[in-house]
Amino acid sequence: MQEPIRSAPLEDSKLITCVLPDDGSHKALLEALRQELNINKAEVVSSLAMGESVEANANPGTVPGTYMARTVRVVVPAAEADALFEFICDKARISRDGGGVVFQNALATSTPFALPEGVAEEQT
């Protein structure tokens, strides 16, 4: 009979999602996360986003214009989420016109993964 697989410890975590215009602000955010907070794990997805659903001069039955966007997602311990949320809003310049949106939600659980001792990380 096989040994049961032992799971890694679970963490109380939150997912912070940031949708930014495709203007390079995601690169500045990722660099700030890495350099200032030593966060080197994030997901970045390029996507086609849709503009505001209600425009002052929009014709009924029309679809707003689309634009390229970058979605950045970071999983963080729940205890650190509020501070990181504020950091992301600042570094991504969310308050500027067209700056994007940031939101966070609780995750049921997350599992941290780490390389075993003695295994070298890949160099990029």
C-alpha atoms as a PDB file:
ATOM      1  CA  MET A   1       0.000   0.000   0.000  1.00  0.00           C
ATOM      2  CA  GLN A   2       1.237   3.497  -0.879  1.00  0.00           C
ATOM      3  CA  GLU A   3       2.137   6.098   1.711  1.00  0.00           C
ATOM      4  CA  PRO A   4      -0.554   8.794   1.932  1.00  0.00           C
ATOM      5  CA  ILE A   5       0.445  12.102   0.404  1.00  0.00           C
ATOM      6  CA  ARG A   6       0.858  14.709   3.107  1.00  0.00           C
ATOM      7  CA  SER A   7      -0.475  18.070   2.131  1.00  0.00           C
ATOM      8  CA  ALA A   8       1.350  21.299   2.750  1.00  0.00           C
ATOM      9  CA  PRO A   9       0.046  23.621   5.469  1.00  0.00           C
ATOM     10  CA  LEU A  10      -2.859  25.820   4.425  1.00  0.00           C
ATOM     11  CA  GLU A  11      -2.826  29.592   4.820  1.00  0.00           C
ATOM     12  CA  ASP A  12      -5.600  32.121   5.340  1.00  0.00           C
ATOM     13  CA  SER A  13      -5.087  34.204   2.189  1.00  0.00           C
ATOM     14  CA  LYS A  14      -6.569  36.851  -0.052  1.00  0.00           C
ATOM     15  CA  LEU A  15      -6.385  37.378  -3.792  1.00  0.00           C
ATOM     16  CA  ILE A  16      -5.687  40.930  -4.935  1.00  0.00           C
ATOM     17  CA  THR A  17      -6.654  41.579  -8.555  1.00  0.00           C
ATOM     18  CA  CYS A  18      -5.591  44.707 -10.411  1.00  0.00           C
ATOM     19  CA  VAL A  19      -6.855  45.528 -13.925  1.00  0.00           C
ATOM     20  CA  LEU A  20      -4.630  48.151 -15.536  1.00  0.00           C
ATOM     21  CA  PRO A  21      -4.480  49.849 -18.927  1.00  0.00           C
ATOM     22  CA  ASP A  22      -1.818  48.380 -21.200  1.00  0.00           C
ATOM     23  CA  ASP A  23       0.472  51.387 -20.781  1.00  0.00           C
ATOM     24  CA  GLY A  24       3.371  49.752 -18.940  1.00  0.00           C
ATOM     25  CA  SER A  25       1.994  50.486 -15.465  1.00  0.00           C
ATOM     26  CA  HIS A  26       1.884  46.725 -14.778  1.00  0.00           C
ATOM     27  CA  LYS A  27       5.663  46.580 -15.256  1.00  0.00           C
ATOM     28  CA  ALA A  28       6.228  49.381 -12.756  1.00  0.00           C
ATOM     29  CA  LEU A  29       3.914  47.623 -10.294  1.00  0.00           C
ATOM     30  CA  LEU A  30       5.698  44.274 -10.658  1.00  0.00           C
ATOM     31  CA  GLU A  31       9.083  45.955 -10.229  1.00  0.00           C
ATOM     32  CA  ALA A  32       7.916  47.753  -7.069  1.00  0.00           C
ATOM     33  CA  LEU A  33       6.488  44.503  -5.653  1.00  0.00           C
ATOM     34  CA  ARG A  34       9.810  42.765  -6.269  1.00  0.00           C
ATOM     35  CA  GLN A  35      12.203  45.482  -5.175  1.00  0.00           C
ATOM     36  CA  GLU A  36      10.327  47.010  -2.252  1.00  0.00           C
ATOM     37  CA  LEU A  37       8.425  44.022  -0.821  1.00  0.00           C
ATOM     38  CA  ASN A  38      10.380  41.039  -2.185  1.00  0.00           C
ATOM     39  CA  ILE A  39       7.212  39.636  -3.796  1.00  0.00           C
ATOM     40  CA  ASN A  40       8.276  37.666  -6.829  1.00  0.00           C
ATOM     41  CA  LYS A  41       5.140  35.638  -7.554  1.00  0.00           C
ATOM     42  CA  ALA A  42       2.310  37.230  -9.499  1.00  0.00           C
ATOM     43  CA  GLU A  43       0.128  36.357 -12.461  1.00  0.00           C
ATOM     44  CA  VAL A  44      -0.109  38.792 -15.360  1.00  0.00           C
ATOM     45  CA  VAL A  45      -2.651  38.298 -18.124  1.00  0.00           C
ATOM     46  CA  SER A  46      -3.109  40.406 -21.230  1.00  0.00           C
ATOM     47  CA  SER A  47      -6.751  40.865 -22.171  1.00  0.00           C
ATOM     48  CA  LEU A  48      -9.205  42.864 -24.208  1.00  0.00           C
ATOM     49  CA  ALA A  49     -11.300  45.051 -21.898  1.00  0.00           C
ATOM     50  CA  MET A  50     -14.474  46.964 -22.535  1.00  0.00           C
ATOM     51  CA  GLY A  51     -14.923  50.644 -21.736  1.00  0.00           C
ATOM     52  CA  GLU A  52     -17.587  52.196 -19.568  1.00  0.00           C
ATOM     53  CA  SER A  53     -21.015  50.668 -20.012  1.00  0.00           C
ATOM     54  CA  VAL A  54     -22.794  54.005 -19.760  1.00  0.00           C
ATOM     55  CA  GLU A  55     -21.349  56.840 -21.779  1.00  0.00           C
ATOM     56  CA  ALA A  56     -22.839  60.313 -21.985  1.00  0.00           C
ATOM     57  CA  ASN A  57     -23.244  60.166 -25.762  1.00  0.00           C
ATOM     58  CA  ALA A  58     -23.684  56.400 -26.262  1.00  0.00           C
ATOM     59  CA  ASN A  59     -26.489  55.292 -28.540  1.00  0.00           C
ATOM     60  CA  PRO A  60     -28.920  52.734 -27.114  1.00  0.00           C
ATOM     61  CA  GLY A  61     -28.038  49.185 -28.187  1.00  0.00           C
ATOM     62  CA  THR A  62     -24.382  49.977 -28.914  1.00  0.00           C
ATOM     63  CA  VAL A  63     -21.377  48.347 -27.303  1.00  0.00           C
ATOM     64  CA  PRO A  64     -18.649  50.544 -25.788  1.00  0.00           C
ATOM     65  CA  GLY A  65     -15.194  50.506 -27.336  1.00  0.00           C
ATOM     66  CA  THR A  66     -12.569  47.969 -26.313  1.00  0.00           C
ATOM     67  CA  TYR A  67      -8.962  48.438 -25.264  1.00  0.00           C
ATOM     68  CA  MET A  68      -6.010  46.282 -24.225  1.00  0.00           C
ATOM     69  CA  ALA A  69      -5.545  45.776 -20.487  1.00  0.00           C
ATOM     70  CA  ARG A  70      -3.249  43.886 -18.120  1.00  0.00           C
ATOM     71  CA  THR A  71      -4.608  41.953 -15.149  1.00  0.00           C
ATOM     72  CA  VAL A  72      -2.180  41.410 -12.267  1.00  0.00           C
ATOM     73  CA  ARG A  73      -3.102  38.914  -9.522  1.00  0.00           C
ATOM     74  CA  VAL A  74      -1.235  38.350  -6.259  1.00  0.00           C
ATOM     75  CA  VAL A  75      -2.066  35.858  -3.483  1.00  0.00           C
ATOM     76  CA  VAL A  76      -1.066  37.205  -0.070  1.00  0.00           C
ATOM     77  CA  PRO A  77      -1.526  36.205   3.578  1.00  0.00           C
ATOM     78  CA  ALA A  78      -4.800  37.692   4.852  1.00  0.00           C
ATOM     79  CA  ALA A  79      -3.004  39.618   7.607  1.00  0.00           C
ATOM     80  CA  GLU A  80      -0.944  41.519   4.985  1.00  0.00           C
ATOM     81  CA  ALA A  81      -3.682  42.056   2.389  1.00  0.00           C
ATOM     82  CA  ASP A  82      -4.930  45.520   3.373  1.00  0.00           C
ATOM     83  CA  ALA A  83      -1.447  47.034   3.443  1.00  0.00           C
ATOM     84  CA  LEU A  84      -0.555  45.412   0.114  1.00  0.00           C
ATOM     85  CA  PHE A  85      -3.842  46.617  -1.393  1.00  0.00           C
ATOM     86  CA  GLU A  86      -2.903  50.227  -0.533  1.00  0.00           C
ATOM     87  CA  PHE A  87       0.637  49.675  -1.868  1.00  0.00           C
ATOM     88  CA  ILE A  88      -0.732  48.367  -5.186  1.00  0.00           C
ATOM     89  CA  CYS A  89      -3.185  51.271  -5.532  1.00  0.00           C
ATOM     90  CA  ASP A  90      -0.315  53.714  -5.018  1.00  0.00           C
ATOM     91  CA  LYS A  91       2.288  52.033  -7.254  1.00  0.00           C
ATOM     92  CA  ALA A  92      -0.192  51.281 -10.078  1.00  0.00           C
ATOM     93  CA  ARG A  93      -1.477  54.880  -9.918  1.00  0.00           C
ATOM     94  CA  ILE A  94      -5.091  53.725  -9.777  1.00  0.00           C
ATOM     95  CA  SER A  95      -6.417  57.195  -8.866  1.00  0.00           C
ATOM     96  CA  ARG A  96      -5.396  58.723 -12.233  1.00  0.00           C
ATOM     97  CA  ASP A  97      -7.970  59.022 -15.036  1.00  0.00           C
ATOM     98  CA  GLY A  98      -8.305  55.612 -16.680  1.00  0.00           C
ATOM     99  CA  GLY A  99      -5.956  54.130 -14.060  1.00  0.00           C
ATOM    100  CA  GLY A 100      -7.810  50.857 -13.697  1.00  0.00           C
ATOM    101  CA  VAL A 101      -9.391  49.048 -10.794  1.00  0.00           C
ATOM    102  CA  VAL A 102      -8.181  46.993  -7.818  1.00  0.00           C
ATOM    103  CA  PHE A 103     -10.189  44.606  -5.684  1.00  0.00           C
ATOM    104  CA  GLN A 104      -9.507  41.823  -3.222  1.00  0.00           C
ATOM    105  CA  ASN A 105     -11.380  38.775  -2.084  1.00  0.00           C
ATOM    106  CA  ALA A 106     -10.861  36.082   0.499  1.00  0.00           C
ATOM    107  CA  LEU A 107      -9.713  32.658  -0.662  1.00  0.00           C
ATOM    108  CA  ALA A 108     -10.998  29.500   0.991  1.00  0.00           C
ATOM    109  CA  THR A 109      -7.363  28.393   1.399  1.00  0.00           C
ATOM    110  CA  SER A 110      -4.042  28.614  -0.338  1.00  0.00           C
ATOM    111  CA  THR A 111      -1.028  26.371  -0.162  1.00  0.00           C
ATOM    112  CA  PRO A 112       2.506  27.765  -0.190  1.00  0.00           C
ATOM    113  CA  PHE A 113       4.945  25.876  -2.370  1.00  0.00           C
ATOM    114  CA  ALA A 114       8.697  25.931  -1.924  1.00  0.00           C
ATOM    115  CA  LEU A 115      11.563  24.001  -3.428  1.00  0.00           C
ATOM    116  CA  PRO A 116      13.131  21.376  -1.182  1.00  0.00           C
ATOM    117  CA  GLU A 117      16.401  22.300   0.514  1.00  0.00           C
ATOM    118  CA  GLY A 118      19.383  22.054  -1.813  1.00  0.00           C
ATOM    119  CA  VAL A 119      17.466  22.539  -5.093  1.00  0.00           C
ATOM    120  CA  ALA A 120      18.658  25.602  -6.970  1.00  0.00           C
ATOM    121  CA  GLU A 121      16.127  28.022  -8.418  1.00  0.00           C
ATOM    122  CA  GLU A 122      16.185  28.677 -12.159  1.00  0.00           C
ATOM    123  CA  GLN A 123      17.873  31.851 -13.327  1.00  0.00           C
ATOM    124  CA  THR A 124      15.935  33.973 -15.812  1.00  0.00           C
END
